[in-house]
PDB file of all heavy atoms in Angstrom:
ATOM      1  N   PHE A   1    -120.699 100.374-157.547  1.00  0.00           N
ATOM      2  CA  PHE A   1    -120.484 100.783-158.906  1.00  0.00           C
ATOM      3  C   PHE A   1    -121.149 102.164-159.180  1.00  0.00           C
ATOM      4  O   PHE A   1    -122.183 102.505-158.546  1.00  0.00           O
ATOM      5  CB  PHE A   1    -121.114  99.815-159.928  1.00  0.00           C
ATOM      6  CG  PHE A   1    -120.673  98.424-159.746  1.00  0.00           C
ATOM      7  CD1 PHE A   1    -121.628  97.384-159.634  1.00  0.00           C
ATOM      8  CD2 PHE A   1    -119.336  98.083-159.593  1.00  0.00           C
ATOM      9  CE1 PHE A   1    -121.223  96.043-159.452  1.00  0.00           C
ATOM     10  CE2 PHE A   1    -118.992  96.721-159.411  1.00  0.00           C
ATOM     11  CZ  PHE A   1    -119.935  95.739-159.304  1.00  0.00           C
ATOM     12  N   SER A   2    -120.553 102.864-160.057  1.00  0.00           N
ATOM     13  CA  SER A   2    -121.095 104.226-160.443  1.00  0.00           C
ATOM     14  C   SER A   2    -121.570 104.109-161.903  1.00  0.00           C
ATOM     15  O   SER A   2    -120.786 103.659-162.823  1.00  0.00           O
ATOM     16  CB  SER A   2    -119.980 105.267-160.266  1.00  0.00           C
ATOM     17  OG  SER A   2    -120.436 106.519-160.738  1.00  0.00           O
ATOM     18  N   SER A   3    -122.831 104.566-162.155  1.00  0.00           N
ATOM     19  CA  SER A   3    -123.409 104.558-163.455  1.00  0.00           C
ATOM     20  C   SER A   3    -124.676 105.358-163.444  1.00  0.00           C
ATOM     21  O   SER A   3    -125.154 105.752-162.425  1.00  0.00           O
ATOM     22  CB  SER A   3    -123.607 103.119-164.019  1.00  0.00           C
ATOM     23  OG  SER A   3    -124.881 102.678-163.934  1.00  0.00           O
ATOM     24  N   ALA A   4    -125.216 105.629-164.655  1.00  0.00           N
ATOM     25  CA  ALA A   4    -126.562 106.127-164.778  1.00  0.00           C
ATOM     26  C   ALA A   4    -127.503 104.924-164.678  1.00  0.00           C
ATOM     27  O   ALA A   4    -127.043 103.740-164.892  1.00  0.00           O
ATOM     28  CB  ALA A   4    -126.754 106.863-166.116  1.00  0.00           C
ATOM     29  N   TYR A   5    -128.831 105.141-164.382  1.00  0.00           N
ATOM     30  CA  TYR A   5    -129.729 104.009-164.239  1.00  0.00           C
ATOM     31  C   TYR A   5    -131.015 104.238-164.993  1.00  0.00           C
ATOM     32  O   TYR A   5    -131.488 105.408-165.052  1.00  0.00           O
ATOM     33  CB  TYR A   5    -130.018 103.800-162.800  1.00  0.00           C
ATOM     34  CG  TYR A   5    -128.877 103.235-162.022  1.00  0.00           C
ATOM     35  CD1 TYR A   5    -127.889 104.015-161.574  1.00  0.00           C
ATOM     36  CD2 TYR A   5    -128.796 101.890-161.755  1.00  0.00           C
ATOM     37  CE1 TYR A   5    -126.734 103.510-160.914  1.00  0.00           C
ATOM     38  CE2 TYR A   5    -127.721 101.338-161.015  1.00  0.00           C
ATOM     39  CZ  TYR A   5    -126.705 102.130-160.638  1.00  0.00           C
ATOM     40  OH  TYR A   5    -125.591 101.618-159.967  1.00  0.00           O
ATOM     41  N   TYR A   6    -131.572 103.196-165.557  1.00  0.00           N
ATOM     42  CA  TYR A   6    -132.914 103.217-166.196  1.00  0.00           C
ATOM     43  C   TYR A   6    -133.844 102.669-165.091  1.00  0.00           C
ATOM     44  O   TYR A   6    -133.640 101.628-164.569  1.00  0.00           O
ATOM     45  CB  TYR A   6    -132.881 102.296-167.381  1.00  0.00           C
ATOM     46  CG  TYR A   6    -134.224 101.871-167.895  1.00  0.00           C
ATOM     47  CD1 TYR A   6    -134.869 102.467-168.950  1.00  0.00           C
ATOM     48  CD2 TYR A   6    -134.891 100.731-167.323  1.00  0.00           C
ATOM     49  CE1 TYR A   6    -136.092 102.006-169.426  1.00  0.00           C
ATOM     50  CE2 TYR A   6    -136.075 100.272-167.803  1.00  0.00           C
ATOM     51  CZ  TYR A   6    -136.674 100.889-168.848  1.00  0.00           C
ATOM     52  OH  TYR A   6    -137.873 100.442-169.377  1.00  0.00           O
ATOM     53  N   ILE A   7    -134.916 103.417-164.856  1.00  0.00           N
ATOM     54  CA  ILE A   7    -135.922 102.967-163.788  1.00  0.00           C
ATOM     55  C   ILE A   7    -137.223 103.045-164.419  1.00  0.00           C
ATOM     56  O   ILE A   7    -137.722 104.095-164.842  1.00  0.00           O
ATOM     57  CB  ILE A   7    -135.806 103.883-162.544  1.00  0.00           C
ATOM     58  CG1 ILE A   7    -134.420 103.837-161.924  1.00  0.00           C
ATOM     59  CG2 ILE A   7    -136.823 103.395-161.529  1.00  0.00           C
ATOM     60  CD1 ILE A   7    -134.164 104.832-160.855  1.00  0.00           C
ATOM     61  N   ARG A   8    -138.018 101.941-164.377  1.00  0.00           N
ATOM     62  CA  ARG A   8    -139.368 101.913-164.821  1.00  0.00           C
ATOM     63  C   ARG A   8    -140.322 101.786-163.667  1.00  0.00           C
ATOM     64  O   ARG A   8    -140.112 100.861-162.821  1.00  0.00           O
ATOM     65  CB  ARG A   8    -139.633 100.809-165.880  1.00  0.00           C
ATOM     66  CG  ARG A   8    -141.118 100.691-166.350  1.00  0.00           C
ATOM     67  CD  ARG A   8    -141.183  99.903-167.651  1.00  0.00           C
ATOM     68  NE  ARG A   8    -140.768  98.534-167.549  1.00  0.00           N
ATOM     69  CZ  ARG A   8    -141.544  97.482-167.229  1.00  0.00           C
ATOM     70  NH1 ARG A   8    -142.856  97.655-167.013  1.00  0.00           N
ATOM     71  NH2 ARG A   8    -141.044  96.263-167.221  1.00  0.00           N
ATOM     72  N   ILE A   9    -141.316 102.651-163.570  1.00  0.00           N
ATOM     73  CA  ILE A   9    -142.169 102.717-162.411  1.00  0.00           C
ATOM     74  C   ILE A   9    -143.683 102.591-162.883  1.00  0.00           C
ATOM     75  O   ILE A   9    -144.066 103.173-163.905  1.00  0.00           O
ATOM     76  CB  ILE A   9    -142.068 104.052-161.711  1.00  0.00           C
ATOM     77  CG1 ILE A   9    -140.583 104.179-161.158  1.00  0.00           C
ATOM     78  CG2 ILE A   9    -143.064 104.229-160.600  1.00  0.00           C
ATOM     79  CD1 ILE A   9    -140.234 105.536-160.590  1.00  0.00           C
ATOM     80  N   ASN A  10    -144.423 101.802-162.211  1.00  0.00           N
ATOM     81  CA  ASN A  10    -145.856 101.656-162.362  1.00  0.00           C
ATOM     82  C   ASN A  10    -146.558 102.581-161.357  1.00  0.00           C
ATOM     83  O   ASN A  10    -146.410 102.304-160.142  1.00  0.00           O
ATOM     84  CB  ASN A  10    -146.293 100.254-162.335  1.00  0.00           C
ATOM     85  CG  ASN A  10    -147.781 100.036-162.690  1.00  0.00           C
ATOM     86  OD1 ASN A  10    -148.300 100.752-163.499  1.00  0.00           O
ATOM     87  ND2 ASN A  10    -148.439  99.056-162.076  1.00  0.00           N
ATOM     88  N   ALA A  11    -147.319 103.552-161.773  1.00  0.00           N
ATOM     89  CA  ALA A  11    -147.840 104.556-160.769  1.00  0.00           C
ATOM     90  C   ALA A  11    -149.305 104.833-161.014  1.00  0.00           C
ATOM     91  O   ALA A  11    -149.853 104.606-162.137  1.00  0.00           O
ATOM     92  CB  ALA A  11    -147.105 105.896-160.933  1.00  0.00           C
ATOM     93  N   THR A  12    -149.983 105.188-159.980  1.00  0.00           N
ATOM     94  CA  THR A  12    -151.362 105.544-160.005  1.00  0.00           C
ATOM     95  C   THR A  12    -151.463 106.911-160.679  1.00  0.00           C
ATOM     96  O   THR A  12    -150.605 107.814-160.488  1.00  0.00           O
ATOM     97  CB  THR A  12    -151.962 105.685-158.618  1.00  0.00           C
ATOM     98  OG1 THR A  12    -151.816 104.388-157.952  1.00  0.00           O
ATOM     99  CG2 THR A  12    -153.409 106.041-158.667  1.00  0.00           C
ATOM    100  N   ASP A  13    -152.441 107.074-161.585  1.00  0.00           N
ATOM    101  CA  ASP A  13    -152.574 108.334-162.302  1.00  0.00           C
ATOM    102  C   ASP A  13    -153.248 109.413-161.452  1.00  0.00           C
ATOM    103  O   ASP A  13    -154.453 109.554-161.440  1.00  0.00           O
ATOM    104  CB  ASP A  13    -153.412 108.085-163.593  1.00  0.00           C
ATOM    105  CG  ASP A  13    -153.586 109.372-164.373  1.00  0.00           C
ATOM    106  OD1 ASP A  13    -152.603 110.166-164.451  1.00  0.00           O
ATOM    107  OD2 ASP A  13    -154.683 109.600-164.978  1.00  0.00           O
ATOM    108  N   LYS A  14    -152.425 110.085-160.708  1.00  0.00           N
ATOM    109  CA  LYS A  14    -152.931 111.119-159.906  1.00  0.00           C
ATOM    110  C   LYS A  14    -151.822 112.244-159.740  1.00  0.00           C
ATOM    111  O   LYS A  14    -150.635 111.927-159.885  1.00  0.00           O
ATOM    112  CB  LYS A  14    -153.398 110.670-158.528  1.00  0.00           C
ATOM    113  CG  LYS A  14    -152.312 110.061-157.580  1.00  0.00           C
ATOM    114  CD  LYS A  14    -152.876 109.596-156.313  1.00  0.00           C
ATOM    115  CE  LYS A  14    -151.821 109.088-155.343  1.00  0.00           C
ATOM    116  NZ  LYS A  14    -152.425 108.658-154.089  1.00  0.00           N
ATOM    117  N   ALA A  15    -152.265 113.403-159.407  1.00  0.00           N
ATOM    118  CA  ALA A  15    -151.303 114.545-159.300  1.00  0.00           C
ATOM    119  C   ALA A  15    -150.255 114.248-158.257  1.00  0.00           C
ATOM    120  O   ALA A  15    -150.583 113.731-157.154  1.00  0.00           O
ATOM    121  CB  ALA A  15    -152.092 115.821-159.046  1.00  0.00           C
ATOM    122  N   GLY A  16    -149.065 114.699-158.522  1.00  0.00           N
ATOM    123  CA  GLY A  16    -147.964 114.639-157.491  1.00  0.00           C
ATOM    124  C   GLY A  16    -147.143 113.347-157.434  1.00  0.00           C
ATOM    125  O   GLY A  16    -146.179 113.314-156.676  1.00  0.00           O
ATOM    126  N   VAL A  17    -147.537 112.316-158.208  1.00  0.00           N
ATOM    127  CA  VAL A  17    -146.824 111.053-158.111  1.00  0.00           C
ATOM    128  C   VAL A  17    -145.385 111.209-158.667  1.00  0.00           C
ATOM    129  O   VAL A  17    -144.414 110.856-158.016  1.00  0.00           O
ATOM    130  CB  VAL A  17    -147.540 109.982-158.890  1.00  0.00           C
ATOM    131  CG1 VAL A  17    -146.670 108.670-158.857  1.00  0.00           C
ATOM    132  CG2 VAL A  17    -148.860 109.601-158.161  1.00  0.00           C
ATOM    133  N   LEU A  18    -145.292 111.853-159.835  1.00  0.00           N
ATOM    134  CA  LEU A  18    -143.923 112.066-160.465  1.00  0.00           C
ATOM    135  C   LEU A  18    -143.104 112.952-159.611  1.00  0.00           C
ATOM    136  O   LEU A  18    -141.898 112.623-159.425  1.00  0.00           O
ATOM    137  CB  LEU A  18    -144.106 112.621-161.838  1.00  0.00           C
ATOM    138  CG  LEU A  18    -142.720 112.880-162.653  1.00  0.00           C
ATOM    139  CD1 LEU A  18    -141.937 111.570-162.740  1.00  0.00           C
ATOM    140  CD2 LEU A  18    -143.052 113.433-164.002  1.00  0.00           C
ATOM    141  N   SER A  19    -143.639 113.988-159.072  1.00  0.00           N
ATOM    142  CA  SER A  19    -142.881 114.935-158.235  1.00  0.00           C
ATOM    143  C   SER A  19    -142.349 114.221-156.948  1.00  0.00           C
ATOM    144  O   SER A  19    -141.321 114.464-156.453  1.00  0.00           O
ATOM    145  CB  SER A  19    -143.688 116.171-157.934  1.00  0.00           C
ATOM    146  OG  SER A  19    -144.814 115.813-157.170  1.00  0.00           O
ATOM    147  N   HIS A  20    -143.274 113.309-156.435  1.00  0.00           N
ATOM    148  CA  HIS A  20    -142.867 112.575-155.248  1.00  0.00           C
ATOM    149  C   HIS A  20    -141.713 111.628-155.560  1.00  0.00           C
ATOM    150  O   HIS A  20    -140.755 111.537-154.746  1.00  0.00           O
ATOM    151  CB  HIS A  20    -144.111 111.741-154.719  1.00  0.00           C
ATOM    152  CG  HIS A  20    -143.727 110.751-153.624  1.00  0.00           C
ATOM    153  ND1 HIS A  20    -143.375 111.216-152.350  1.00  0.00           N
ATOM    154  CD2 HIS A  20    -143.609 109.436-153.611  1.00  0.00           C
ATOM    155  CE1 HIS A  20    -143.068 110.152-151.625  1.00  0.00           C
ATOM    156  NE2 HIS A  20    -143.183 109.010-152.338  1.00  0.00           N
ATOM    157  N   VAL A  21    -141.765 110.943-156.731  1.00  0.00           N
ATOM    158  CA  VAL A  21    -140.691 110.071-157.061  1.00  0.00           C
ATOM    159  C   VAL A  21    -139.390 110.808-157.220  1.00  0.00           C
ATOM    160  O   VAL A  21    -138.342 110.385-156.717  1.00  0.00           O
ATOM    161  CB  VAL A  21    -141.033 109.275-158.376  1.00  0.00           C
ATOM    162  CG1 VAL A  21    -139.772 108.592-158.913  1.00  0.00           C
ATOM    163  CG2 VAL A  21    -142.182 108.357-158.183  1.00  0.00           C
ATOM    164  N   THR A  22    -139.424 111.946-157.972  1.00  0.00           N
ATOM    165  CA  THR A  22    -138.237 112.709-158.174  1.00  0.00           C
ATOM    166  C   THR A  22    -137.707 113.270-156.849  1.00  0.00           C
ATOM    167  O   THR A  22    -136.492 113.462-156.627  1.00  0.00           O
ATOM    168  CB  THR A  22    -138.462 113.824-159.145  1.00  0.00           C
ATOM    169  OG1 THR A  22    -139.505 114.647-158.758  1.00  0.00           O
ATOM    170  CG2 THR A  22    -138.750 113.260-160.535  1.00  0.00           C
ATOM    171  N   SER A  23    -138.652 113.537-155.911  1.00  0.00           N
ATOM    172  CA  SER A  23    -138.270 114.031-154.601  1.00  0.00           C
ATOM    173  C   SER A  23    -137.454 112.975-153.804  1.00  0.00           C
ATOM    174  O   SER A  23    -136.450 113.263-153.180  1.00  0.00           O
ATOM    175  CB  SER A  23    -139.417 114.503-153.806  1.00  0.00           C
ATOM    176  OG  SER A  23    -139.109 114.830-152.480  1.00  0.00           O
ATOM    177  N   VAL A  24    -137.959 111.746-153.872  1.00  0.00           N
ATOM    178  CA  VAL A  24    -137.310 110.687-153.203  1.00  0.00           C
ATOM    179  C   VAL A  24    -135.933 110.401-153.804  1.00  0.00           C
ATOM    180  O   VAL A  24    -134.924 110.266-153.059  1.00  0.00           O
ATOM    181  CB  VAL A  24    -138.144 109.317-153.274  1.00  0.00           C
ATOM    182  CG1 VAL A  24    -137.298 108.112-152.768  1.00  0.00           C
ATOM    183  CG2 VAL A  24    -139.447 109.479-152.524  1.00  0.00           C
ATOM    184  N   LEU A  25    -135.834 110.500-155.129  1.00  0.00           N
ATOM    185  CA  LEU A  25    -134.516 110.339-155.779  1.00  0.00           C
ATOM    186  C   LEU A  25    -133.569 111.440-155.363  1.00  0.00           C
ATOM    187  O   LEU A  25    -132.415 111.218-155.076  1.00  0.00           O
ATOM    188  CB  LEU A  25    -134.650 110.380-157.285  1.00  0.00           C
ATOM    189  CG  LEU A  25    -135.462 109.138-157.881  1.00  0.00           C
ATOM    190  CD1 LEU A  25    -135.610 109.374-159.357  1.00  0.00           C
ATOM    191  CD2 LEU A  25    -134.701 107.872-157.774  1.00  0.00           C
ATOM    192  N   GLY A  26    -134.153 112.695-155.300  1.00  0.00           N
ATOM    193  CA  GLY A  26    -133.327 113.869-154.923  1.00  0.00           C
ATOM    194  C   GLY A  26    -132.789 113.672-153.503  1.00  0.00           C
ATOM    195  O   GLY A  26    -131.606 114.104-153.219  1.00  0.00           O
ATOM    196  N   LYS A  27    -133.568 113.164-152.592  1.00  0.00           N
ATOM    197  CA  LYS A  27    -133.128 113.018-151.228  1.00  0.00           C
ATOM    198  C   LYS A  27    -132.016 112.019-151.143  1.00  0.00           C
ATOM    199  O   LYS A  27    -131.248 112.042-150.140  1.00  0.00           O
ATOM    200  CB  LYS A  27    -134.308 112.549-150.315  1.00  0.00           C
ATOM    201  CG  LYS A  27    -135.344 113.622-150.087  1.00  0.00           C
ATOM    202  CD  LYS A  27    -136.487 113.057-149.269  1.00  0.00           C
ATOM    203  CE  LYS A  27    -137.548 114.227-149.077  1.00  0.00           C
ATOM    204  NZ  LYS A  27    -138.736 113.720-148.243  1.00  0.00           N
ATOM    205  N   ASN A  28    -131.925 111.160-152.075  1.00  0.00           N
ATOM    206  CA  ASN A  28    -130.814 110.175-152.092  1.00  0.00           C
ATOM    207  C   ASN A  28    -129.609 110.657-153.076  1.00  0.00           C
ATOM    208  O   ASN A  28    -128.798 109.807-153.426  1.00  0.00           O
ATOM    209  CB  ASN A  28    -131.354 108.790-152.566  1.00  0.00           C
ATOM    210  CG  ASN A  28    -132.126 108.136-151.510  1.00  0.00           C
ATOM    211  OD1 ASN A  28    -131.587 107.475-150.593  1.00  0.00           O
ATOM    212  ND2 ASN A  28    -133.432 108.204-151.568  1.00  0.00           N
ATOM    213  N   GLY A  29    -129.677 111.894-153.429  1.00  0.00           N
ATOM    214  CA  GLY A  29    -128.622 112.426-154.261  1.00  0.00           C
ATOM    215  C   GLY A  29    -128.617 112.048-155.681  1.00  0.00           C
ATOM    216  O   GLY A  29    -127.605 112.086-156.370  1.00  0.00           O
ATOM    217  N   ILE A  30    -129.876 111.710-156.173  1.00  0.00           N
ATOM    218  CA  ILE A  30    -129.969 111.247-157.563  1.00  0.00           C
ATOM    219  C   ILE A  30    -130.767 112.232-158.392  1.00  0.00           C
ATOM    220  O   ILE A  30    -131.859 112.638-158.001  1.00  0.00           O
ATOM    221  CB  ILE A  30    -130.663 109.911-157.627  1.00  0.00           C
ATOM    222  CG1 ILE A  30    -129.919 108.841-156.765  1.00  0.00           C
ATOM    223  CG2 ILE A  30    -130.827 109.390-159.074  1.00  0.00           C
ATOM    224  CD1 ILE A  30    -130.662 107.515-156.583  1.00  0.00           C
ATOM    225  N   SER A  31    -130.232 112.745-159.498  1.00  0.00           N
ATOM    226  CA  SER A  31    -131.004 113.614-160.423  1.00  0.00           C
ATOM    227  C   SER A  31    -131.387 112.873-161.687  1.00  0.00           C
ATOM    228  O   SER A  31    -130.745 111.837-162.071  1.00  0.00           O
ATOM    229  CB  SER A  31    -130.112 114.841-160.732  1.00  0.00           C
ATOM    230  OG  SER A  31    -128.914 114.416-161.428  1.00  0.00           O
ATOM    231  N   VAL A  32    -132.401 113.424-162.332  1.00  0.00           N
ATOM    232  CA  VAL A  32    -133.093 112.764-163.471  1.00  0.00           C
ATOM    233  C   VAL A  32    -132.507 113.460-164.796  1.00  0.00           C
ATOM    234  O   VAL A  32    -132.612 114.682-164.873  1.00  0.00           O
ATOM    235  CB  VAL A  32    -134.539 112.770-163.396  1.00  0.00           C
ATOM    236  CG1 VAL A  32    -135.169 112.245-164.680  1.00  0.00           C
ATOM    237  CG2 VAL A  32    -135.055 111.977-162.164  1.00  0.00           C
ATOM    238  N   ALA A  33    -132.071 112.659-165.767  1.00  0.00           N
ATOM    239  CA  ALA A  33    -131.634 113.170-167.008  1.00  0.00           C
ATOM    240  C   ALA A  33    -132.698 113.144-168.117  1.00  0.00           C
ATOM    241  O   ALA A  33    -132.844 114.089-168.924  1.00  0.00           O
ATOM    242  CB  ALA A  33    -130.377 112.417-167.468  1.00  0.00           C
TER     243      ALA A  33
END
């Protein structure tokens, strides 16, 4: 199926976590709206 997705993540509060998540998504061809 093709759709947009809602993703909730529990993360440690440290620098670079969000950028790491978006990087992994990007490597899989997924962009964040």
